[in-house]
C-alpha atoms as a PDB file:
ATOM      1  CA  MET A   1     -73.260  -4.372  31.312  1.00  0.00           C
ATOM      2  CA  LYS A   2     -75.494  -7.656  29.853  1.00  0.00           C
ATOM      3  CA  HIS A   3     -73.568 -10.603  29.176  1.00  0.00           C
ATOM      4  CA  ARG A   4     -74.879 -10.981  26.307  1.00  0.00           C
ATOM      5  CA  THR A   5     -73.112  -7.497  25.388  1.00  0.00           C
ATOM      6  CA  LYS A   6     -70.079  -8.516  26.473  1.00  0.00           C
ATOM      7  CA  LYS A   7     -70.221 -11.824  24.583  1.00  0.00           C
ATOM      8  CA  ILE A   8     -70.152  -9.441  21.446  1.00  0.00           C
ATOM      9  CA  ILE A   9     -67.483  -7.322  22.291  1.00  0.00           C
ATOM     10  CA  SER A  10     -65.007  -9.841  22.982  1.00  0.00           C
ATOM     11  CA  TYR A  11     -65.975 -11.340  19.529  1.00  0.00           C
ATOM     12  CA  VAL A  12     -65.545  -8.365  17.626  1.00  0.00           C
ATOM     13  CA  ILE A  13     -62.010  -7.223  19.202  1.00  0.00           C
ATOM     14  CA  SER A  14     -60.902 -10.680  18.669  1.00  0.00           C
ATOM     15  CA  LEU A  15     -62.177 -11.229  15.063  1.00  0.00           C
ATOM     16  CA  ALA A  16     -60.072  -7.251  14.553  1.00  0.00           C
ATOM     17  CA  VAL A  17     -57.090  -8.845  16.126  1.00  0.00           C
ATOM     18  CA  ILE A  18     -57.261 -11.994  13.959  1.00  0.00           C
ATOM     19  CA  VAL A  19     -58.256  -9.460  10.835  1.00  0.00           C
ATOM     20  CA  ALA A  20     -54.908  -7.517  12.144  1.00  0.00           C
ATOM     21  CA  ALA A  21     -52.632 -10.286  12.095  1.00  0.00           C
ATOM     22  CA  ALA A  22     -53.960 -11.945   8.796  1.00  0.00           C
ATOM     23  CA  PHE A  23     -53.391  -8.769   7.316  1.00  0.00           C
ATOM     24  CA  TYR A  24     -49.957  -8.607   8.786  1.00  0.00           C
ATOM     25  CA  ILE A  25     -48.981 -12.126   7.804  1.00  0.00           C
ATOM     26  CA  GLY A  26     -50.364 -11.714   4.482  1.00  0.00           C
ATOM     27  CA  GLY A  27     -48.396  -8.712   4.076  1.00  0.00           C
ATOM     28  CA  LYS A  28     -45.015 -10.430   4.872  1.00  0.00           C
ATOM     29  CA  VAL A  29     -45.737 -13.750   3.308  1.00  0.00           C
ATOM     30  CA  LEU A  30     -47.943 -12.719   0.282  1.00  0.00           C
ATOM     31  CA  HIS A  31     -46.586  -9.836  -1.680  1.00  0.00           C
ATOM     32  CA  GLY A  32     -49.151  -8.788  -4.029  1.00  0.00           C
ATOM     33  CA  GLY A  33     -48.257  -7.245  -7.927  1.00  0.00           C
ATOM     34  CA  ASN A  34     -46.262  -8.109 -10.749  1.00  0.00           C
ATOM     35  CA  VAL A  35     -43.109  -9.033  -8.588  1.00  0.00           C
ATOM     36  CA  GLU A  36     -41.157 -11.749  -7.611  1.00  0.00           C
ATOM     37  CA  PHE A  37     -40.162 -11.729  -3.946  1.00  0.00           C
ATOM     38  CA  THR A  38     -37.328 -13.359  -1.861  1.00  0.00           C
ATOM     39  CA  ASP A  39     -35.379 -13.115   1.323  1.00  0.00           C
ATOM     40  CA  ASN A  40     -32.757 -15.525   0.603  1.00  0.00           C
ATOM     41  CA  ALA A  41     -30.511 -12.391   0.116  1.00  0.00           C
ATOM     42  CA  GLN A  42     -27.333 -10.426   1.520  1.00  0.00           C
ATOM     43  CA  VAL A  43     -25.447  -7.897   0.714  1.00  0.00           C
ATOM     44  CA  GLN A  44     -22.171  -8.619  -0.644  1.00  0.00           C
ATOM     45  CA  ALA A  45     -18.733  -6.803  -1.106  1.00  0.00           C
ATOM     46  CA  GLN A  46     -15.650  -7.666  -1.998  1.00  0.00           C
ATOM     47  CA  ILE A  47     -13.112  -8.454   0.340  1.00  0.00           C
ATOM     48  CA  VAL A  48      -9.440  -8.086  -0.295  1.00  0.00           C
ATOM     49  CA  PRO A  49      -7.057  -9.957   1.285  1.00  0.00           C
ATOM     50  CA  VAL A  50      -3.686  -8.081   2.006  1.00  0.00           C
ATOM     51  CA  ASN A  51      -0.856 -10.556   2.180  1.00  0.00           C
ATOM     52  CA  SER A  52       3.002 -10.384   3.000  1.00  0.00           C
ATOM     53  CA  ARG A  53       5.191 -11.148  -0.381  1.00  0.00           C
ATOM     54  CA  VAL A  54       8.402 -11.049   1.678  1.00  0.00           C
ATOM     55  CA  GLN A  55       9.699 -12.912   4.716  1.00  0.00           C
ATOM     56  CA  GLY A  56      10.212 -10.817   8.057  1.00  0.00           C
ATOM     57  CA  TYR A  57       9.421  -9.223  11.188  1.00  0.00           C
ATOM     58  CA  ILE A  58       6.658  -6.407  11.914  1.00  0.00           C
ATOM     59  CA  ALA A  59       8.419  -3.266  12.565  1.00  0.00           C
ATOM     60  CA  GLU A  60       4.996  -1.102  12.234  1.00  0.00           C
ATOM     61  CA  ILE A  61       1.360  -1.275  12.495  1.00  0.00           C
ATOM     62  CA  ARG A  62      -0.361   1.578  10.980  1.00  0.00           C
ATOM     63  CA  PHE A  63      -4.150   0.410  11.247  1.00  0.00           C
ATOM     64  CA  ASN A  64      -6.852  -0.013  13.710  1.00  0.00           C
ATOM     65  CA  GLU A  65      -9.365  -2.182  13.150  1.00  0.00           C
ATOM     66  CA  TYR A  66     -12.544  -1.168  10.758  1.00  0.00           C
ATOM     67  CA  GLN A  67     -11.239   2.047  10.056  1.00  0.00           C
ATOM     68  CA  PRO A  68     -11.413   3.355   6.954  1.00  0.00           C
ATOM     69  CA  VAL A  69      -8.615   2.858   4.687  1.00  0.00           C
ATOM     70  CA  HIS A  70      -7.548   4.987   0.931  1.00  0.00           C
ATOM     71  CA  LYS A  71      -5.869   3.393  -1.571  1.00  0.00           C
ATOM     72  CA  GLY A  72      -2.208   3.487  -1.147  1.00  0.00           C
ATOM     73  CA  ASP A  73      -2.011   4.075   2.289  1.00  0.00           C
ATOM     74  CA  THR A  74       0.430   2.524   4.383  1.00  0.00           C
ATOM     75  CA  LEU A  75      -0.668  -0.416   6.570  1.00  0.00           C
ATOM     76  CA  VAL A  76       2.147  -2.634   8.004  1.00  0.00           C
ATOM     77  CA  ILE A  77       6.075  -2.166   7.283  1.00  0.00           C
ATOM     78  CA  ILE A  78       8.345  -5.297   7.681  1.00  0.00           C
ATOM     79  CA  ASP A  79      11.857  -5.358   8.809  1.00  0.00           C
ATOM     80  CA  PRO A  80      13.821  -4.135   5.880  1.00  0.00           C
ATOM     81  CA  SER A  81      17.263  -4.708   7.195  1.00  0.00           C
ATOM     82  CA  ASP A  82      18.070  -7.967   5.942  1.00  0.00           C
ATOM     83  CA  LEU A  83      16.620  -7.207   2.522  1.00  0.00           C
ATOM     84  CA  ARG A  84      18.803  -3.923   2.355  1.00  0.00           C
ATOM     85  CA  LEU A  85      21.677  -6.112   3.181  1.00  0.00           C
ATOM     86  CA  GLN A  86      20.585  -8.442  -0.452  1.00  0.00           C
ATOM     87  CA  VAL A  87      20.385  -4.892  -2.067  1.00  0.00           C
ATOM     88  CA  ALA A  88      24.004  -4.106  -1.073  1.00  0.00           C
ATOM     89  CA  ARG A  89      25.164  -7.475  -1.939  1.00  0.00           C
ATOM     90  CA  ALA A  90      23.500  -7.367  -5.230  1.00  0.00           C
ATOM     91  CA  ARG A  91      24.419  -3.864  -6.655  1.00  0.00           C
ATOM     92  CA  ALA A  92      28.130  -4.996  -5.400  1.00  0.00           C
ATOM     93  CA  ASP A  93      27.752  -7.942  -8.237  1.00  0.00           C
ATOM     94  CA  TYR A  94      26.245  -5.805 -10.737  1.00  0.00           C
ATOM     95  CA  GLU A  95      29.243  -3.464 -10.157  1.00  0.00           C
ATOM     96  CA  ASN A  96      31.267  -6.058 -10.121  1.00  0.00           C
ATOM     97  CA  ALA A  97      30.089  -7.256 -13.921  1.00  0.00           C
ATOM     98  CA  LEU A  98      30.696  -4.199 -15.299  1.00  0.00           C
ATOM     99  CA  ALA A  99      34.059  -3.780 -14.113  1.00  0.00           C
ATOM    100  CA  GLY A 100      34.505  -6.954 -15.394  1.00  0.00           C
ATOM    101  CA  ARG A 101      33.094  -5.681 -18.901  1.00  0.00           C
ATOM    102  CA  SER A 102      35.106  -2.805 -18.674  1.00  0.00           C
ATOM    103  CA  VAL A 103      38.228  -4.998 -18.085  1.00  0.00           C
ATOM    104  CA  ALA A 104      37.191  -7.041 -21.229  1.00  0.00           C
ATOM    105  CA  ASP A 105      36.853  -4.265 -23.830  1.00  0.00           C
ATOM    106  CA  ARG A 106      40.391  -3.295 -22.640  1.00  0.00           C
ATOM    107  CA  SER A 107      41.523  -6.411 -23.360  1.00  0.00           C
ATOM    108  CA  VAL A 108      39.610  -6.785 -26.924  1.00  0.00           C
ATOM    109  CA  ALA A 109      41.351  -3.394 -27.514  1.00  0.00           C
ATOM    110  CA  SER A 110      44.988  -4.827 -26.572  1.00  0.00           C
ATOM    111  CA  ALA A 111      44.393  -7.769 -28.912  1.00  0.00           C
ATOM    112  CA  SER A 112      43.366  -5.915 -31.522  1.00  0.00           C
ATOM    113  CA  ALA A 113      46.119  -3.311 -31.486  1.00  0.00           C
ATOM    114  CA  ASN A 114      48.308  -6.333 -31.346  1.00  0.00           C
ATOM    115  CA  VAL A 115      47.361  -8.002 -34.219  1.00  0.00           C
ATOM    116  CA  ALA A 116      47.528  -4.724 -36.301  1.00  0.00           C
ATOM    117  CA  VAL A 117      51.107  -4.806 -35.320  1.00  0.00           C
ATOM    118  CA  THR A 118      51.329  -8.481 -36.447  1.00  0.00           C
ATOM    119  CA  GLU A 119      50.159  -7.890 -39.476  1.00  0.00           C
ATOM    120  CA  ALA A 120      52.488  -4.789 -39.724  1.00  0.00           C
ATOM    121  CA  SER A 121      55.666  -7.324 -38.957  1.00  0.00           C
ATOM    122  CA  ILE A 122      54.217  -9.751 -41.350  1.00  0.00           C
ATOM    123  CA  ALA A 123      54.011  -7.375 -44.063  1.00  0.00           C
ATOM    124  CA  GLU A 124      57.861  -6.392 -43.723  1.00  0.00           C
ATOM    125  CA  ALA A 125      59.180  -9.809 -43.111  1.00  0.00           C
ATOM    126  CA  LYS A 126      57.616 -10.673 -46.576  1.00  0.00           C
ATOM    127  CA  VAL A 127      59.283  -7.741 -48.237  1.00  0.00           C
ATOM    128  CA  LEU A 128      62.518  -9.340 -46.982  1.00  0.00           C
ATOM    129  CA  MET A 129      61.574 -12.987 -47.714  1.00  0.00           C
ATOM    130  CA  GLU A 130      61.031 -11.893 -51.618  1.00  0.00           C
ATOM    131  CA  ASN A 131      64.112  -9.904 -51.485  1.00  0.00           C
ATOM    132  CA  ALA A 132      66.204 -12.864 -49.821  1.00  0.00           C
ATOM    133  CA  ALA A 133      64.377 -15.403 -52.440  1.00  0.00           C
ATOM    134  CA  ALA A 134      65.325 -12.943 -55.628  1.00  0.00           C
ATOM    135  CA  ASP A 135      68.692 -12.976 -54.308  1.00  0.00           C
ATOM    136  CA  LEU A 136      69.247 -16.518 -53.725  1.00  0.00           C
ATOM    137  CA  ALA A 137      67.259 -17.192 -57.307  1.00  0.00           C
ATOM    138  CA  ARG A 138      70.640 -14.993 -58.695  1.00  0.00           C
ATOM    139  CA  TYR A 139      73.304 -16.981 -56.375  1.00  0.00           C
ATOM    140  CA  THR A 140      72.157 -20.242 -57.979  1.00  0.00           C
ATOM    141  CA  ALA A 141      72.306 -18.955 -61.446  1.00  0.00           C
ATOM    142  CA  LEU A 142      75.824 -17.112 -60.792  1.00  0.00           C
ATOM    143  CA  LEU A 143      76.972 -20.442 -58.643  1.00  0.00           C
ATOM    144  CA  GLU A 144      75.687 -22.488 -62.185  1.00  0.00           C
ATOM    145  CA  LYS A 145      78.282 -20.321 -63.871  1.00  0.00           C
ATOM    146  CA  HIS A 146      81.090 -20.705 -61.166  1.00  0.00           C
ATOM    147  CA  ALA A 147      80.581 -16.990 -60.788  1.00  0.00           C
ATOM    148  CA  VAL A 148      80.398 -17.029 -56.882  1.00  0.00           C
ATOM    149  CA  THR A 149      81.900 -19.424 -54.227  1.00  0.00           C
ATOM    150  CA  GLN A 150      79.592 -22.237 -52.613  1.00  0.00           C
ATOM    151  CA  GLN A 151      80.338 -19.982 -49.307  1.00  0.00           C
ATOM    152  CA  GLN A 152      78.449 -17.000 -50.680  1.00  0.00           C
ATOM    153  CA  TYR A 153      75.500 -19.109 -52.160  1.00  0.00           C
ATOM    154  CA  ASP A 154      74.669 -21.025 -48.735  1.00  0.00           C
ATOM    155  CA  GLY A 155      74.889 -17.475 -47.363  1.00  0.00           C
ATOM    156  CA  ALA A 156      72.309 -16.090 -49.795  1.00  0.00           C
ATOM    157  CA  ARG A 157      70.411 -19.518 -49.108  1.00  0.00           C
ATOM    158  CA  THR A 158      70.729 -19.131 -45.404  1.00  0.00           C
ATOM    159  CA  ASP A 159      69.560 -15.594 -45.304  1.00  0.00           C
ATOM    160  CA  TYR A 160      66.176 -16.878 -47.296  1.00  0.00           C
ATOM    161  CA  GLU A 161      65.316 -19.601 -45.470  1.00  0.00           C
ATOM    162  CA  ALA A 162      65.901 -17.449 -41.998  1.00  0.00           C
ATOM    163  CA  LYS A 163      63.536 -14.772 -43.367  1.00  0.00           C
ATOM    164  CA  LYS A 164      60.886 -17.283 -44.492  1.00  0.00           C
ATOM    165  CA  ALA A 165      61.207 -19.074 -40.841  1.00  0.00           C
ATOM    166  CA  ARG A 166      60.289 -15.513 -39.878  1.00  0.00           C
ATOM    167  CA  TYR A 167      57.751 -14.617 -41.906  1.00  0.00           C
ATOM    168  CA  ASP A 168      55.870 -17.933 -41.247  1.00  0.00           C
ATOM    169  CA  MET A 169      56.328 -17.476 -37.581  1.00  0.00           C
ATOM    170  CA  LEU A 170      54.529 -13.918 -37.853  1.00  0.00           C
ATOM    171  CA  SER A 171      52.066 -15.687 -39.899  1.00  0.00           C
ATOM    172  CA  ARG A 172      51.470 -17.934 -36.542  1.00  0.00           C
ATOM    173  CA  GLN A 173      51.318 -15.880 -34.541  1.00  0.00           C
ATOM    174  CA  ARG A 174      48.770 -13.422 -36.173  1.00  0.00           C
ATOM    175  CA  SER A 175      46.439 -16.561 -35.972  1.00  0.00           C
ATOM    176  CA  ALA A 176      47.137 -16.622 -32.230  1.00  0.00           C
ATOM    177  CA  THR A 177      46.479 -13.224 -31.992  1.00  0.00           C
ATOM    178  CA  THR A 178      43.431 -13.253 -33.407  1.00  0.00           C
ATOM    179  CA  ASN A 179      41.809 -16.336 -31.639  1.00  0.00           C
ATOM    180  CA  VAL A 180      42.796 -14.466 -28.465  1.00  0.00           C
ATOM    181  CA  VAL A 181      40.598 -11.862 -30.121  1.00  0.00           C
ATOM    182  CA  ALA A 182      37.645 -13.962 -30.833  1.00  0.00           C
ATOM    183  CA  GLU A 183      37.899 -15.629 -27.360  1.00  0.00           C
ATOM    184  CA  THR A 184      37.977 -12.168 -25.610  1.00  0.00           C
ATOM    185  CA  ARG A 185      34.812 -11.112 -27.738  1.00  0.00           C
ATOM    186  CA  GLN A 186      32.957 -14.571 -26.545  1.00  0.00           C
ATOM    187  CA  ARG A 187      33.936 -13.472 -22.942  1.00  0.00           C
ATOM    188  CA  ILE A 188      32.489  -9.791 -23.413  1.00  0.00           C
ATOM    189  CA  ALA A 189      29.067 -11.919 -24.385  1.00  0.00           C
ATOM    190  CA  GLN A 190      29.855 -13.940 -21.460  1.00  0.00           C
ATOM    191  CA  THR A 191      30.318 -10.906 -19.625  1.00  0.00           C
ATOM    192  CA  ASP A 192      26.981  -8.950 -20.763  1.00  0.00           C
ATOM    193  CA  ALA A 193      24.978 -12.160 -19.787  1.00  0.00           C
ATOM    194  CA  GLY A 194      26.571 -11.937 -16.502  1.00  0.00           C
ATOM    195  CA  ILE A 195      25.861  -8.561 -16.059  1.00  0.00           C
ATOM    196  CA  GLU A 196      21.971  -8.722 -17.343  1.00  0.00           C
ATOM    197  CA  LEU A 197      21.713 -11.592 -14.194  1.00  0.00           C
ATOM    198  CA  THR A 198      23.126  -9.283 -11.837  1.00  0.00           C
ATOM    199  CA  LYS A 199      21.356  -6.647 -13.123  1.00  0.00           C
ATOM    200  CA  ALA A 200      17.862  -8.822 -12.416  1.00  0.00           C
ATOM    201  CA  LEU A 201      19.262  -9.818  -9.140  1.00  0.00           C
ATOM    202  CA  LEU A 202      19.645  -6.174  -8.291  1.00  0.00           C
ATOM    203  CA  ASP A 203      16.186  -5.438  -9.164  1.00  0.00           C
ATOM    204  CA  ALA A 204      14.360  -8.471  -7.728  1.00  0.00           C
ATOM    205  CA  ALA A 205      16.308  -7.491  -4.242  1.00  0.00           C
ATOM    206  CA  GLU A 206      15.009  -3.706  -4.796  1.00  0.00           C
ATOM    207  CA  LEU A 207      11.429  -5.178  -5.078  1.00  0.00           C
ATOM    208  CA  ASN A 208      11.697  -7.390  -2.857  1.00  0.00           C
ATOM    209  CA  LEU A 209      12.531  -4.321  -0.477  1.00  0.00           C
ATOM    210  CA  SER A 210       9.605  -2.627  -1.424  1.00  0.00           C
ATOM    211  CA  TYR A 211       7.799  -5.182  -0.576  1.00  0.00           C
ATOM    212  CA  THR A 212       8.682  -4.693   3.056  1.00  0.00           C
ATOM    213  CA  VAL A 213       5.888  -1.193   2.956  1.00  0.00           C
ATOM    214  CA  ILE A 214       2.494  -2.906   2.249  1.00  0.00           C
ATOM    215  CA  THR A 215      -0.425  -0.480   1.410  1.00  0.00           C
ATOM    216  CA  ALA A 216      -3.868  -0.650   0.871  1.00  0.00           C
ATOM    217  CA  PRO A 217      -4.605  -2.138  -2.624  1.00  0.00           C
ATOM    218  CA  CYS A 218      -8.176  -0.196  -2.817  1.00  0.00           C
ATOM    219  CA  ASP A 219     -10.547   2.120  -0.451  1.00  0.00           C
ATOM    220  CA  GLY A 220     -12.816   0.497   2.054  1.00  0.00           C
ATOM    221  CA  TYR A 221     -12.354  -0.585   5.552  1.00  0.00           C
ATOM    222  CA  THR A 222      -9.450  -3.108   7.295  1.00  0.00           C
ATOM    223  CA  SER A 223     -10.986  -6.084   9.361  1.00  0.00           C
ATOM    224  CA  ARG A 224      -9.704  -7.602  12.600  1.00  0.00           C
ATOM    225  CA  LYS A 225      -6.318  -7.055  13.389  1.00  0.00           C
ATOM    226  CA  ASN A 226      -4.961 -10.412  13.931  1.00  0.00           C
ATOM    227  CA  ILE A 227      -0.779  -9.219  13.755  1.00  0.00           C
ATOM    228  CA  GLN A 228       1.489  -7.983  16.324  1.00  0.00           C
ATOM    229  CA  GLU A 229       4.669  -5.696  16.393  1.00  0.00           C
ATOM    230  CA  GLY A 230       7.349  -8.359  16.078  1.00  0.00           C
ATOM    231  CA  GLN A 231       5.516 -11.103  14.537  1.00  0.00           C
ATOM    232  CA  LEU A 232       7.474 -13.423  11.933  1.00  0.00           C
ATOM    233  CA  VAL A 233       5.465 -13.201   8.826  1.00  0.00           C
ATOM    234  CA  GLN A 234       5.992 -15.503   5.797  1.00  0.00           C
ATOM    235  CA  PRO A 235       5.536 -14.889   2.140  1.00  0.00           C
ATOM    236  CA  GLY A 236       1.884 -15.494   1.069  1.00  0.00           C
ATOM    237  CA  GLN A 237       0.429 -14.831   4.750  1.00  0.00           C
ATOM    238  CA  THR A 238      -2.613 -12.912   5.017  1.00  0.00           C
ATOM    239  CA  LEU A 239      -2.177  -9.875   7.344  1.00  0.00           C
ATOM    240  CA  LEU A 240      -5.724  -8.389   7.038  1.00  0.00           C
ATOM    241  CA  ASP A 241      -8.838  -8.205   4.711  1.00  0.00           C
ATOM    242  CA  ILE A 242      -9.924  -4.953   3.135  1.00  0.00           C
ATOM    243  CA  VAL A 243     -13.675  -4.600   2.671  1.00  0.00           C
ATOM    244  CA  ASP A 244     -13.886  -3.021  -0.487  1.00  0.00           C
ATOM    245  CA  SER A 245     -16.061   0.241  -0.418  1.00  0.00           C
ATOM    246  CA  GLY A 246     -16.306   0.902  -3.942  1.00  0.00           C
ATOM    247  CA  ASP A 247     -18.128  -2.136  -5.250  1.00  0.00           C
ATOM    248  CA  ILE A 248     -20.948  -3.494  -3.268  1.00  0.00           C
ATOM    249  CA  TRP A 249     -23.982  -5.148  -4.395  1.00  0.00           C
ATOM    250  CA  VAL A 250     -26.740  -7.991  -3.214  1.00  0.00           C
ATOM    251  CA  ALA A 251     -26.473 -11.394  -4.262  1.00  0.00           C
ATOM    252  CA  ALA A 252     -30.206 -12.809  -4.043  1.00  0.00           C
ATOM    253  CA  ASN A 253     -31.026 -16.461  -4.925  1.00  0.00           C
ATOM    254  CA  TYR A 254     -34.566 -17.259  -6.065  1.00  0.00           C
ATOM    255  CA  LYS A 255     -36.148 -19.898  -6.962  1.00  0.00           C
ATOM    256  CA  GLU A 256     -36.301 -21.524 -10.259  1.00  0.00           C
ATOM    257  CA  THR A 257     -39.739 -21.342 -10.823  1.00  0.00           C
ATOM    258  CA  GLN A 258     -39.357 -17.496 -10.941  1.00  0.00           C
ATOM    259  CA  LEU A 259     -36.852 -17.331 -13.088  1.00  0.00           C
ATOM    260  CA  ARG A 260     -39.503 -16.432 -16.386  1.00  0.00           C
ATOM    261  CA  HIS A 261     -40.157 -12.891 -14.699  1.00  0.00           C
ATOM    262  CA  ILE A 262     -36.810 -11.869 -13.848  1.00  0.00           C
ATOM    263  CA  ALA A 263     -34.038 -10.334 -16.739  1.00  0.00           C
ATOM    264  CA  GLU A 264     -31.245  -8.147 -16.660  1.00  0.00           C
ATOM    265  CA  GLY A 265     -32.202  -4.541 -16.568  1.00  0.00           C
ATOM    266  CA  SER A 266     -35.430  -5.377 -14.114  1.00  0.00           C
ATOM    267  CA  ALA A 267     -36.137  -3.003 -11.636  1.00  0.00           C
ATOM    268  CA  VAL A 268     -35.522  -4.317  -7.969  1.00  0.00           C
ATOM    269  CA  ASP A 269     -36.577  -2.883  -4.340  1.00  0.00           C
ATOM    270  CA  ILE A 270     -34.471  -3.611  -1.818  1.00  0.00           C
ATOM    271  CA  VAL A 271     -35.433  -3.375   2.186  1.00  0.00           C
ATOM    272  CA  VAL A 272     -32.382  -4.151   4.552  1.00  0.00           C
ATOM    273  CA  ASP A 273     -33.343  -6.318   7.616  1.00  0.00           C
ATOM    274  CA  ALA A 274     -30.836  -3.522   9.614  1.00  0.00           C
ATOM    275  CA  ILE A 275     -32.277  -0.294   7.989  1.00  0.00           C
ATOM    276  CA  PRO A 276     -36.210  -1.302   7.460  1.00  0.00           C
ATOM    277  CA  ASP A 277     -37.039   2.153   7.181  1.00  0.00           C
ATOM    278  CA  HIS A 278     -35.471   2.857   3.923  1.00  0.00           C
ATOM    279  CA  VAL A 279     -36.321   1.345   0.549  1.00  0.00           C
ATOM    280  CA  PHE A 280     -33.301   0.942  -1.761  1.00  0.00           C
ATOM    281  CA  LYS A 281     -33.193   1.195  -5.732  1.00  0.00           C
ATOM    282  CA  GLY A 282     -31.813  -1.361  -7.441  1.00  0.00           C
ATOM    283  CA  HIS A 283     -32.028  -3.551 -10.863  1.00  0.00           C
ATOM    284  CA  VAL A 284     -30.865  -7.227 -11.849  1.00  0.00           C
ATOM    285  CA  THR A 285     -27.235  -7.016 -13.947  1.00  0.00           C
ATOM    286  CA  ALA A 286     -26.438 -10.698 -14.468  1.00  0.00           C
ATOM    287  CA  LEU A 287     -28.236 -13.923 -13.739  1.00  0.00           C
ATOM    288  CA  SER A 288     -26.183 -17.093 -12.940  1.00  0.00           C
ATOM    289  CA  LYS A 289     -25.966 -19.851 -15.265  1.00  0.00           C
ATOM    290  CA  ALA A 290     -25.800 -22.130 -12.970  1.00  0.00           C
ATOM    291  CA  THR A 291     -27.674 -23.332  -9.812  1.00  0.00           C
ATOM    292  CA  GLY A 292     -26.000 -22.479  -6.330  1.00  0.00           C
ATOM    293  CA  ALA A 293     -26.255 -26.433  -5.804  1.00  0.00           C
ATOM    294  CA  ARG A 294     -24.455 -26.937  -8.841  1.00  0.00           C
ATOM    295  CA  LEU A 295     -21.860 -24.382  -7.942  1.00  0.00           C
ATOM    296  CA  SER A 296     -21.231 -25.982  -4.604  1.00  0.00           C
ATOM    297  CA  LEU A 297     -17.848 -27.783  -3.465  1.00  0.00           C
ATOM    298  CA  LEU A 298     -19.856 -31.072  -3.622  1.00  0.00           C
ATOM    299  CA  PRO A 299     -22.077 -30.732  -6.699  1.00  0.00           C
ATOM    300  CA  GLN A 300     -25.489 -33.009  -5.859  1.00  0.00           C
ATOM    301  CA  ASP A 301     -25.307 -36.204  -8.382  1.00  0.00           C
ATOM    302  CA  ASN A 302     -28.943 -37.646  -8.655  1.00  0.00           C
ATOM    303  CA  SER A 303     -28.015 -40.558 -10.438  1.00  0.00           C
ATOM    304  CA  ALA A 304     -26.151 -41.971  -7.595  1.00  0.00           C
ATOM    305  CA  GLY A 305     -28.965 -42.938  -5.077  1.00  0.00           C
ATOM    306  CA  ASN A 306     -32.820 -42.038  -4.381  1.00  0.00           C
ATOM    307  CA  PHE A 307     -33.942 -39.010  -6.454  1.00  0.00           C
ATOM    308  CA  VAL A 308     -36.004 -36.401  -4.257  1.00  0.00           C
ATOM    309  CA  LYS A 309     -36.618 -33.762  -6.564  1.00  0.00           C
ATOM    310  CA  VAL A 310     -35.870 -30.369  -5.030  1.00  0.00           C
ATOM    311  CA  ARG A 311     -36.551 -26.790  -6.193  1.00  0.00           C
ATOM    312  CA  GLN A 312     -33.672 -24.960  -6.604  1.00  0.00           C
ATOM    313  CA  ARG A 313     -32.280 -21.569  -6.461  1.00  0.00           C
ATOM    314  CA  VAL A 314     -30.325 -19.541  -8.954  1.00  0.00           C
ATOM    315  CA  PRO A 315     -27.894 -17.059  -8.188  1.00  0.00           C
ATOM    316  CA  VAL A 316     -29.098 -13.671  -9.287  1.00  0.00           C
ATOM    317  CA  ARG A 317     -26.572 -10.527  -9.093  1.00  0.00           C
ATOM    318  CA  ILE A 318     -28.200  -6.677  -8.132  1.00  0.00           C
ATOM    319  CA  GLU A 319     -26.805  -3.801  -8.377  1.00  0.00           C
ATOM    320  CA  PHE A 320     -27.828  -0.215  -6.305  1.00  0.00           C
ATOM    321  CA  ASP A 321     -29.149   2.406  -8.466  1.00  0.00           C
ATOM    322  CA  ALA A 322     -26.597   5.451  -8.445  1.00  0.00           C
ATOM    323  CA  ASP A 323     -29.422   7.752  -6.828  1.00  0.00           C
ATOM    324  CA  ASN A 324     -29.453   6.198  -3.742  1.00  0.00           C
ATOM    325  CA  ASP A 325     -29.160   8.208  -0.689  1.00  0.00           C
ATOM    326  CA  ALA A 326     -25.557   7.782   0.011  1.00  0.00           C
ATOM    327  CA  ALA A 327     -25.771   7.954   4.025  1.00  0.00           C
ATOM    328  CA  ALA A 328     -28.430   4.966   3.876  1.00  0.00           C
ATOM    329  CA  MET A 329     -25.548   3.457   1.626  1.00  0.00           C
ATOM    330  CA  GLU A 330     -22.229   4.024   4.090  1.00  0.00           C
ATOM    331  CA  ARG A 331     -24.746   2.523   6.469  1.00  0.00           C
ATOM    332  CA  LEU A 332     -24.587  -0.858   4.154  1.00  0.00           C
ATOM    333  CA  ARG A 333     -22.418  -3.838   5.622  1.00  0.00           C
ATOM    334  CA  ALA A 334     -21.149  -6.990   3.604  1.00  0.00           C
ATOM    335  CA  GLY A 335     -23.490  -9.929   4.747  1.00  0.00           C
ATOM    336  CA  MET A 336     -26.577  -7.909   5.695  1.00  0.00           C
ATOM    337  CA  ASN A 337     -29.780 -10.007   4.759  1.00  0.00           C
ATOM    338  CA  VAL A 338     -32.057  -8.262   2.595  1.00  0.00           C
ATOM    339  CA  GLU A 339     -35.333  -8.737   0.980  1.00  0.00           C
ATOM    340  CA  CYS A 340     -35.697  -8.013  -2.586  1.00  0.00           C
ATOM    341  CA  GLU A 341     -38.704  -7.458  -5.190  1.00  0.00           C
ATOM    342  CA  VAL A 342     -38.088  -7.583  -8.688  1.00  0.00           C
ATOM    343  CA  LYS A 343     -40.488  -5.531 -10.875  1.00  0.00           C
ATOM    344  CA  TYR A 344     -42.187  -6.778 -13.859  1.00  0.00           C
END
């Protein structure tokens, strides 16, 4: 083969390689058609922390790392011995308060009966006093006529004063007995308040006892297991996380200059880096009302120094359509990188 022919063949091969590379790079970088593309996107899912609500030692762990769980499945059991003792103590206090209420009721009944007896005695004493007053009036008239002796008159007056004193005594006794009834009824109100308090404490103790069995709050997959049996846990301590399998979407960060072609309901083609052979279908459900920089922990303040214009990105929520392949959806994991093309 002549040297000139070899050079021509070399040039043709080089040109073909350059053209192929150009097409490949163009396909990766340039996205033709009515689409808005970004590779600044990730698969998102709700990650639900599972916390302990009570203090205690872990008695049993019933989950493994990254295993599927269903809502209500038992994950961790905390030793309930101390909390059972608290429930028993609270129940005893509650029953004691109920017994005190019964005693107070009987006290009111007894005091009310005493009031009734006293009123009957007062009625009797009043009749006797009125009769003695009438006798005294007659003896007074007879004494003026010297029809009775002074001794007989003194006896009638003494009898009247004695019966009047007994009537006054019974009247004061009725007032005292009535006060006892009112006081006992007030004590019943206090006892009722004590019953409500002890009942609330009993309910709280039983509720804390129920917290020793920690269950899954949703369907999903468990995280790493960072706890061990016998470990002391505190209220509010996170025991594990559950990745909610029922709520998965894509968070795409589009440039602010791309938003003019993106609206809620826009169709989206989604390619996941881990599953490059499958195109997922989705749609835009929401656009953030603030840029990602504005939502960051330390928002940028352009008035604090030299200004350099930086193209901002706005978070866009993209949800998967219901007709996506179920097997492919099962392969999605939170945090996976994706590429999105919003059609317009």
